[in-house]
Amino acid sequence: MKLKTLARVLCVLMALALFLALSGCAPASTDGTDSSGSTTSSLLTMVLPILLIIVVFYFFMIRPESKKKKKLAEMRSSLSVGDKITTIGGMVGKVVSIKDDLITFETSEDRVRVEVTKWAVSTIGKPATEEPAK
């Protein structure tokens, strides 16, 4: 899902939650009748938007981020000698050796060797190409 679409969906859900919360704050009855049943429904309309917001944040923000972290950790643990990598700093090279959390890779034909930690590896394989600016 595109970021703009996600932002629009979140805005609509937040507006709905705000509407429900504000409607629950209004007095239920002004004619002096017993309102013991309406306090339960009023409480429910105040708690429901908060629960809705928590569920939306979980499914749209927390869950995808944890999946992404798990995928990156799996990719970094599957590194092997000879893989072509790109670091988070943009350096591209071929893995020469792996020791615990340290990776040594060669960056060019001149055999310049650079040592980085595993968490600094961004991708394995071809370097990611950037999209042209619109």
N, C-alpha and C. Protein backbone atom coordinates (compact mmCIF):
# COMPACT_ATOMS: atom_id res chain seq x y z
N MET A 1 0.84 -1.17 0.00
CA MET A 1 0.00 0.00 0.00
C MET A 1 0.89 1.23 0.00
N LYS A 2 0.55 2.21 -0.83
CA LYS A 2 1.36 3.40 -0.91
C LYS A 2 1.23 4.22 0.37
N LEU A 3 2.25 5.03 0.62
CA LEU A 3 2.30 5.81 1.84
C LEU A 3 1.17 6.83 1.90
N LYS A 4 0.85 7.48 0.77
CA LYS A 4 -0.23 8.47 0.76
C LYS A 4 -1.58 7.81 1.05
N THR A 5 -1.80 6.64 0.49
CA THR A 5 -3.05 5.93 0.73
C THR A 5 -3.15 5.53 2.20
N LEU A 6 -2.05 5.06 2.75
CA LEU A 6 -2.03 4.68 4.16
C LEU A 6 -2.31 5.89 5.04
N ALA A 7 -1.73 7.03 4.71
CA ALA A 7 -1.96 8.24 5.49
C ALA A 7 -3.42 8.66 5.43
N ARG A 8 -4.04 8.55 4.26
CA ARG A 8 -5.45 8.91 4.12
C ARG A 8 -6.34 7.99 4.95
N VAL A 9 -6.05 6.69 4.91
CA VAL A 9 -6.83 5.72 5.68
C VAL A 9 -6.71 6.02 7.17
N LEU A 10 -5.49 6.31 7.63
CA LEU A 10 -5.29 6.63 9.04
C LEU A 10 -6.03 7.90 9.43
N CYS A 11 -6.03 8.92 8.56
CA CYS A 11 -6.74 10.16 8.85
C CYS A 11 -8.24 9.92 8.97
N VAL A 12 -8.79 9.12 8.08
CA VAL A 12 -10.22 8.82 8.15
C VAL A 12 -10.55 8.06 9.42
N LEU A 13 -9.73 7.08 9.77
CA LEU A 13 -9.97 6.32 10.99
C LEU A 13 -9.83 7.18 12.24
N MET A 14 -8.87 8.09 12.24
CA MET A 14 -8.70 8.99 13.38
C MET A 14 -9.89 9.93 13.50
N ALA A 15 -10.39 10.44 12.36
CA ALA A 15 -11.56 11.32 12.38
C ALA A 15 -12.77 10.56 12.91
N LEU A 16 -12.94 9.31 12.49
CA LEU A 16 -14.04 8.49 12.97
C LEU A 16 -13.92 8.25 14.48
N ALA A 17 -12.71 7.96 14.94
CA ALA A 17 -12.49 7.73 16.36
C ALA A 17 -12.77 8.99 17.16
N LEU A 18 -12.35 10.14 16.65
CA LEU A 18 -12.60 11.42 17.32
C LEU A 18 -14.10 11.70 17.38
N PHE A 19 -14.80 11.45 16.29
CA PHE A 19 -16.25 11.65 16.26
C PHE A 19 -16.94 10.76 17.29
N LEU A 20 -16.54 9.50 17.36
CA LEU A 20 -17.14 8.58 18.32
C LEU A 20 -16.84 9.00 19.76
N ALA A 21 -15.62 9.48 19.98
CA ALA A 21 -15.25 9.90 21.33
C ALA A 21 -16.03 11.14 21.74
N LEU A 22 -16.19 12.09 20.84
CA LEU A 22 -16.93 13.30 21.17
C LEU A 22 -18.42 13.04 21.34
N SER A 23 -18.96 12.13 20.56
CA SER A 23 -20.38 11.82 20.70
C SER A 23 -20.64 11.10 22.02
N GLY A 24 -19.67 10.40 22.53
CA GLY A 24 -19.83 9.72 23.81
C GLY A 24 -19.73 10.65 24.99
N CYS A 25 -19.20 11.85 24.82
CA CYS A 25 -19.05 12.81 25.91
C CYS A 25 -20.31 13.63 26.15
N ALA A 26 -21.21 13.64 25.18
CA ALA A 26 -22.45 14.42 25.32
C ALA A 26 -23.35 13.78 26.36
N PRO A 27 -24.12 14.58 27.10
CA PRO A 27 -25.04 13.98 28.07
C PRO A 27 -26.09 13.15 27.37
N ALA A 28 -26.45 12.02 27.95
CA ALA A 28 -27.36 11.08 27.31
C ALA A 28 -28.81 11.54 27.42
N SER A 29 -29.18 12.13 28.53
CA SER A 29 -30.58 12.50 28.71
C SER A 29 -30.66 13.80 29.50
N THR A 30 -31.53 14.70 29.08
CA THR A 30 -31.68 15.97 29.78
C THR A 30 -33.04 16.11 30.44
N ASP A 31 -33.90 15.09 30.34
CA ASP A 31 -35.24 15.18 30.90
C ASP A 31 -35.34 14.63 32.32
N GLY A 32 -34.21 14.27 32.93
CA GLY A 32 -34.19 13.84 34.31
C GLY A 32 -34.51 12.38 34.54
N THR A 33 -34.57 11.58 33.48
CA THR A 33 -34.85 10.15 33.65
C THR A 33 -33.60 9.43 34.10
N ASP A 34 -33.78 8.19 34.52
CA ASP A 34 -32.66 7.37 34.99
C ASP A 34 -31.73 7.07 33.82
N SER A 35 -30.44 7.34 34.01
CA SER A 35 -29.47 7.15 32.92
C SER A 35 -28.44 6.10 33.26
N SER A 36 -28.76 5.14 34.11
CA SER A 36 -27.79 4.11 34.50
C SER A 36 -27.43 3.23 33.32
N GLY A 37 -28.35 2.98 32.40
CA GLY A 37 -28.05 2.17 31.21
C GLY A 37 -27.23 2.94 30.21
N SER A 38 -27.38 4.25 30.21
CA SER A 38 -26.65 5.04 29.23
C SER A 38 -25.20 5.27 29.63
N THR A 39 -24.87 5.13 30.93
CA THR A 39 -23.48 5.30 31.34
C THR A 39 -22.62 4.17 30.79
N THR A 40 -23.19 2.98 30.71
CA THR A 40 -22.45 1.86 30.13
C THR A 40 -22.20 2.09 28.65
N SER A 41 -23.22 2.53 27.95
CA SER A 41 -23.04 2.78 26.51
C SER A 41 -22.13 3.98 26.29
N SER A 42 -22.21 4.98 27.18
CA SER A 42 -21.32 6.13 27.07
C SER A 42 -19.87 5.72 27.30
N LEU A 43 -19.65 4.87 28.26
CA LEU A 43 -18.30 4.37 28.54
C LEU A 43 -17.78 3.57 27.35
N LEU A 44 -18.66 2.76 26.77
CA LEU A 44 -18.27 1.96 25.61
C LEU A 44 -17.91 2.84 24.43
N THR A 45 -18.67 3.90 24.20
CA THR A 45 -18.35 4.79 23.07
C THR A 45 -17.08 5.59 23.33
N MET A 46 -16.67 5.72 24.57
CA MET A 46 -15.41 6.42 24.85
C MET A 46 -14.21 5.47 24.74
N VAL A 47 -14.40 4.21 25.09
CA VAL A 47 -13.30 3.24 25.06
C VAL A 47 -13.11 2.66 23.67
N LEU A 48 -14.18 2.51 22.92
CA LEU A 48 -14.13 1.92 21.59
C LEU A 48 -13.18 2.66 20.64
N PRO A 49 -13.19 3.99 20.57
CA PRO A 49 -12.24 4.67 19.68
C PRO A 49 -10.78 4.45 20.06
N ILE A 50 -10.52 4.39 21.34
CA ILE A 50 -9.15 4.16 21.79
C ILE A 50 -8.68 2.77 21.37
N LEU A 51 -9.56 1.77 21.54
CA LEU A 51 -9.23 0.42 21.09
C LEU A 51 -9.05 0.37 19.58
N LEU A 52 -9.89 1.10 18.86
CA LEU A 52 -9.78 1.16 17.40
C LEU A 52 -8.44 1.75 16.98
N ILE A 53 -8.00 2.79 17.65
CA ILE A 53 -6.71 3.42 17.34
C ILE A 53 -5.57 2.45 17.61
N ILE A 54 -5.64 1.74 18.72
CA ILE A 54 -4.58 0.77 19.06
C ILE A 54 -4.51 -0.33 18.01
N VAL A 55 -5.66 -0.84 17.58
CA VAL A 55 -5.68 -1.90 16.56
C VAL A 55 -5.12 -1.38 15.24
N VAL A 56 -5.50 -0.17 14.85
CA VAL A 56 -5.00 0.41 13.60
C VAL A 56 -3.49 0.59 13.65
N PHE A 57 -2.98 1.12 14.76
CA PHE A 57 -1.54 1.30 14.89
C PHE A 57 -0.81 -0.04 14.84
N TYR A 58 -1.39 -1.07 15.45
CA TYR A 58 -0.75 -2.37 15.42
C TYR A 58 -0.65 -2.90 14.00
N PHE A 59 -1.76 -2.90 13.26
CA PHE A 59 -1.77 -3.49 11.93
C PHE A 59 -1.08 -2.65 10.87
N PHE A 60 -1.05 -1.33 11.01
CA PHE A 60 -0.45 -0.49 9.99
C PHE A 60 0.97 -0.05 10.31
N MET A 61 1.41 -0.14 11.57
CA MET A 61 2.73 0.37 11.91
C MET A 61 3.61 -0.66 12.63
N ILE A 62 3.13 -1.26 13.67
CA ILE A 62 3.96 -2.14 14.49
C ILE A 62 4.22 -3.47 13.80
N ARG A 63 3.18 -4.11 13.29
CA ARG A 63 3.32 -5.42 12.66
C ARG A 63 4.21 -5.39 11.41
N PRO A 64 4.00 -4.45 10.47
CA PRO A 64 4.88 -4.42 9.30
C PRO A 64 6.34 -4.13 9.65
N GLU A 65 6.56 -3.29 10.66
CA GLU A 65 7.93 -2.98 11.06
C GLU A 65 8.62 -4.20 11.66
N SER A 66 7.90 -4.98 12.45
CA SER A 66 8.52 -6.18 13.03
C SER A 66 8.79 -7.22 11.95
N LYS A 67 7.92 -7.33 10.95
CA LYS A 67 8.18 -8.24 9.83
C LYS A 67 9.42 -7.82 9.06
N LYS A 68 9.57 -6.51 8.86
CA LYS A 68 10.73 -5.99 8.13
C LYS A 68 12.02 -6.27 8.90
N LYS A 69 12.00 -6.05 10.22
CA LYS A 69 13.18 -6.33 11.04
C LYS A 69 13.55 -7.81 11.01
N LYS A 70 12.54 -8.67 11.08
CA LYS A 70 12.78 -10.11 11.05
C LYS A 70 13.39 -10.53 9.72
N LYS A 71 12.90 -9.96 8.62
CA LYS A 71 13.41 -10.28 7.29
C LYS A 71 14.86 -9.81 7.14
N LEU A 72 15.18 -8.61 7.65
CA LEU A 72 16.55 -8.10 7.59
C LEU A 72 17.50 -8.97 8.42
N ALA A 73 17.07 -9.38 9.61
CA ALA A 73 17.91 -10.22 10.46
C ALA A 73 18.17 -11.57 9.79
N GLU A 74 17.16 -12.11 9.14
CA GLU A 74 17.33 -13.38 8.43
C GLU A 74 18.30 -13.22 7.25
N MET A 75 18.17 -12.12 6.54
CA MET A 75 19.06 -11.85 5.40
C MET A 75 20.51 -11.70 5.87
N ARG A 76 20.70 -10.99 6.96
CA ARG A 76 22.07 -10.78 7.47
C ARG A 76 22.67 -12.06 8.01
N SER A 77 21.85 -12.94 8.58
CA SER A 77 22.39 -14.19 9.10
C SER A 77 22.72 -15.18 7.98
N SER A 78 22.13 -14.99 6.81
CA SER A 78 22.38 -15.90 5.70
C SER A 78 23.53 -15.44 4.80
N LEU A 79 24.27 -14.43 5.22
CA LEU A 79 25.42 -13.96 4.43
C LEU A 79 26.48 -15.05 4.33
N SER A 80 27.11 -15.10 3.17
CA SER A 80 28.20 -16.05 3.00
C SER A 80 29.30 -15.40 2.18
N VAL A 81 30.49 -15.99 2.23
CA VAL A 81 31.63 -15.48 1.49
C VAL A 81 31.32 -15.52 0.00
N GLY A 82 31.61 -14.41 -0.70
CA GLY A 82 31.37 -14.34 -2.13
C GLY A 82 30.12 -13.56 -2.49
N ASP A 83 29.26 -13.28 -1.50
CA ASP A 83 28.04 -12.50 -1.77
C ASP A 83 28.41 -11.05 -2.07
N LYS A 84 27.65 -10.45 -2.98
CA LYS A 84 27.82 -9.03 -3.26
C LYS A 84 26.84 -8.28 -2.36
N ILE A 85 27.36 -7.31 -1.59
CA ILE A 85 26.52 -6.61 -0.62
C ILE A 85 26.56 -5.10 -0.85
N THR A 86 25.57 -4.43 -0.30
CA THR A 86 25.53 -2.98 -0.25
C THR A 86 25.32 -2.60 1.21
N THR A 87 26.13 -1.68 1.71
CA THR A 87 26.00 -1.25 3.10
C THR A 87 24.98 -0.13 3.20
N ILE A 88 24.61 0.23 4.43
CA ILE A 88 23.67 1.32 4.61
C ILE A 88 24.29 2.65 4.23
N GLY A 89 25.59 2.70 4.14
CA GLY A 89 26.29 3.91 3.70
C GLY A 89 26.43 3.99 2.20
N GLY A 90 26.04 2.93 1.48
CA GLY A 90 26.09 2.93 0.03
C GLY A 90 27.32 2.28 -0.57
N MET A 91 28.18 1.70 0.24
CA MET A 91 29.36 1.04 -0.28
C MET A 91 28.98 -0.35 -0.81
N VAL A 92 29.52 -0.68 -1.97
CA VAL A 92 29.22 -1.96 -2.61
C VAL A 92 30.49 -2.78 -2.67
N GLY A 93 30.38 -4.07 -2.39
CA GLY A 93 31.56 -4.92 -2.44
C GLY A 93 31.21 -6.39 -2.34
N LYS A 94 32.26 -7.20 -2.36
CA LYS A 94 32.13 -8.65 -2.32
C LYS A 94 32.66 -9.15 -0.98
N VAL A 95 31.89 -9.98 -0.30
CA VAL A 95 32.26 -10.47 1.03
C VAL A 95 33.48 -11.38 0.93
N VAL A 96 34.48 -11.10 1.78
CA VAL A 96 35.71 -11.88 1.81
C VAL A 96 35.74 -12.80 3.02
N SER A 97 35.34 -12.27 4.18
CA SER A 97 35.32 -13.11 5.39
C SER A 97 34.22 -12.63 6.34
N ILE A 98 33.77 -13.57 7.17
CA ILE A 98 32.74 -13.28 8.16
C ILE A 98 33.21 -13.83 9.50
N LYS A 99 33.25 -12.96 10.52
CA LYS A 99 33.62 -13.36 11.89
C LYS A 99 32.57 -12.80 12.82
N ASP A 100 31.81 -13.64 13.47
CA ASP A 100 30.76 -13.25 14.41
C ASP A 100 29.91 -12.11 13.85
N ASP A 101 30.14 -10.89 14.36
CA ASP A 101 29.36 -9.73 13.90
C ASP A 101 30.13 -8.86 12.91
N LEU A 102 31.34 -9.23 12.55
CA LEU A 102 32.14 -8.43 11.62
C LEU A 102 32.19 -9.07 10.23
N ILE A 103 32.07 -8.22 9.22
CA ILE A 103 32.15 -8.67 7.83
C ILE A 103 33.24 -7.87 7.14
N THR A 104 34.12 -8.55 6.44
CA THR A 104 35.14 -7.90 5.64
C THR A 104 34.78 -8.09 4.18
N PHE A 105 34.77 -6.97 3.43
CA PHE A 105 34.46 -7.08 2.00
C PHE A 105 35.41 -6.22 1.18
N GLU A 106 35.59 -6.63 -0.07
CA GLU A 106 36.43 -5.89 -1.01
C GLU A 106 35.54 -4.96 -1.81
N THR A 107 36.01 -3.70 -1.98
CA THR A 107 35.17 -2.72 -2.63
C THR A 107 35.46 -2.51 -4.11
N SER A 108 36.63 -2.93 -4.59
CA SER A 108 36.95 -2.65 -6.00
C SER A 108 38.00 -3.62 -6.51
N GLU A 109 38.43 -3.38 -7.74
CA GLU A 109 39.48 -4.19 -8.35
C GLU A 109 40.82 -4.00 -7.65
N ASP A 110 40.98 -2.90 -6.93
CA ASP A 110 42.23 -2.64 -6.21
C ASP A 110 42.32 -3.44 -4.91
N ARG A 111 41.30 -4.22 -4.64
CA ARG A 111 41.22 -5.07 -3.46
C ARG A 111 41.31 -4.29 -2.15
N VAL A 112 40.62 -3.16 -2.11
CA VAL A 112 40.50 -2.39 -0.88
C VAL A 112 39.52 -3.14 0.02
N ARG A 113 39.97 -3.47 1.22
CA ARG A 113 39.12 -4.24 2.14
C ARG A 113 38.58 -3.32 3.22
N VAL A 114 37.29 -3.49 3.48
CA VAL A 114 36.60 -2.70 4.50
C VAL A 114 35.94 -3.67 5.47
N GLU A 115 36.03 -3.34 6.76
CA GLU A 115 35.43 -4.19 7.78
C GLU A 115 34.26 -3.43 8.41
N VAL A 116 33.08 -4.04 8.41
CA VAL A 116 31.88 -3.43 8.99
C VAL A 116 31.17 -4.47 9.86
N THR A 117 30.24 -3.99 10.66
CA THR A 117 29.42 -4.91 11.45
C THR A 117 28.27 -5.42 10.58
N LYS A 118 27.67 -6.52 10.99
CA LYS A 118 26.59 -7.13 10.19
C LYS A 118 25.39 -6.21 10.05
N TRP A 119 25.07 -5.43 11.08
CA TRP A 119 23.90 -4.58 11.01
C TRP A 119 24.05 -3.48 9.96
N ALA A 120 25.27 -3.24 9.46
CA ALA A 120 25.49 -2.20 8.46
C ALA A 120 25.19 -2.68 7.05
N VAL A 121 24.89 -3.97 6.88
CA VAL A 121 24.58 -4.50 5.55
C VAL A 121 23.12 -4.19 5.24
N SER A 122 22.91 -3.55 4.09
CA SER A 122 21.56 -3.16 3.69
C SER A 122 20.91 -4.19 2.78
N THR A 123 21.63 -4.61 1.74
CA THR A 123 21.07 -5.57 0.79
C THR A 123 22.14 -6.56 0.34
N ILE A 124 21.67 -7.71 -0.13
CA ILE A 124 22.54 -8.70 -0.74
C ILE A 124 22.18 -8.77 -2.22
N GLY A 125 23.20 -8.84 -3.04
CA GLY A 125 22.95 -8.91 -4.48
C GLY A 125 23.24 -7.57 -5.14
N LYS A 126 22.50 -7.29 -6.19
CA LYS A 126 22.69 -6.04 -6.92
C LYS A 126 22.35 -4.86 -6.03
N PRO A 127 23.10 -3.75 -6.17
CA PRO A 127 22.76 -2.57 -5.40
C PRO A 127 21.41 -2.01 -5.84
N ALA A 128 20.66 -1.50 -4.89
CA ALA A 128 19.32 -0.97 -5.22
C ALA A 128 19.46 0.28 -6.06
N THR A 129 18.67 0.36 -7.13
CA THR A 129 18.69 1.54 -7.97
C THR A 129 17.66 2.52 -7.47
N GLU A 130 18.03 3.79 -7.51
CA GLU A 130 17.11 4.82 -7.03
C GLU A 130 16.16 5.21 -8.14
N GLU A 131 14.94 5.55 -7.76
CA GLU A 131 13.95 5.99 -8.73
C GLU A 131 14.26 7.44 -9.10
N PRO A 132 14.05 7.81 -10.36
CA PRO A 132 14.30 9.22 -10.73
C PRO A 132 13.28 10.14 -10.05
N ALA A 133 13.75 11.34 -9.74
CA ALA A 133 12.89 12.31 -9.07
C ALA A 133 11.80 12.78 -10.01
N LYS A 134 10.59 12.92 -9.48
CA LYS A 134 9.46 13.34 -10.32
C LYS A 134 9.20 14.80 -10.18
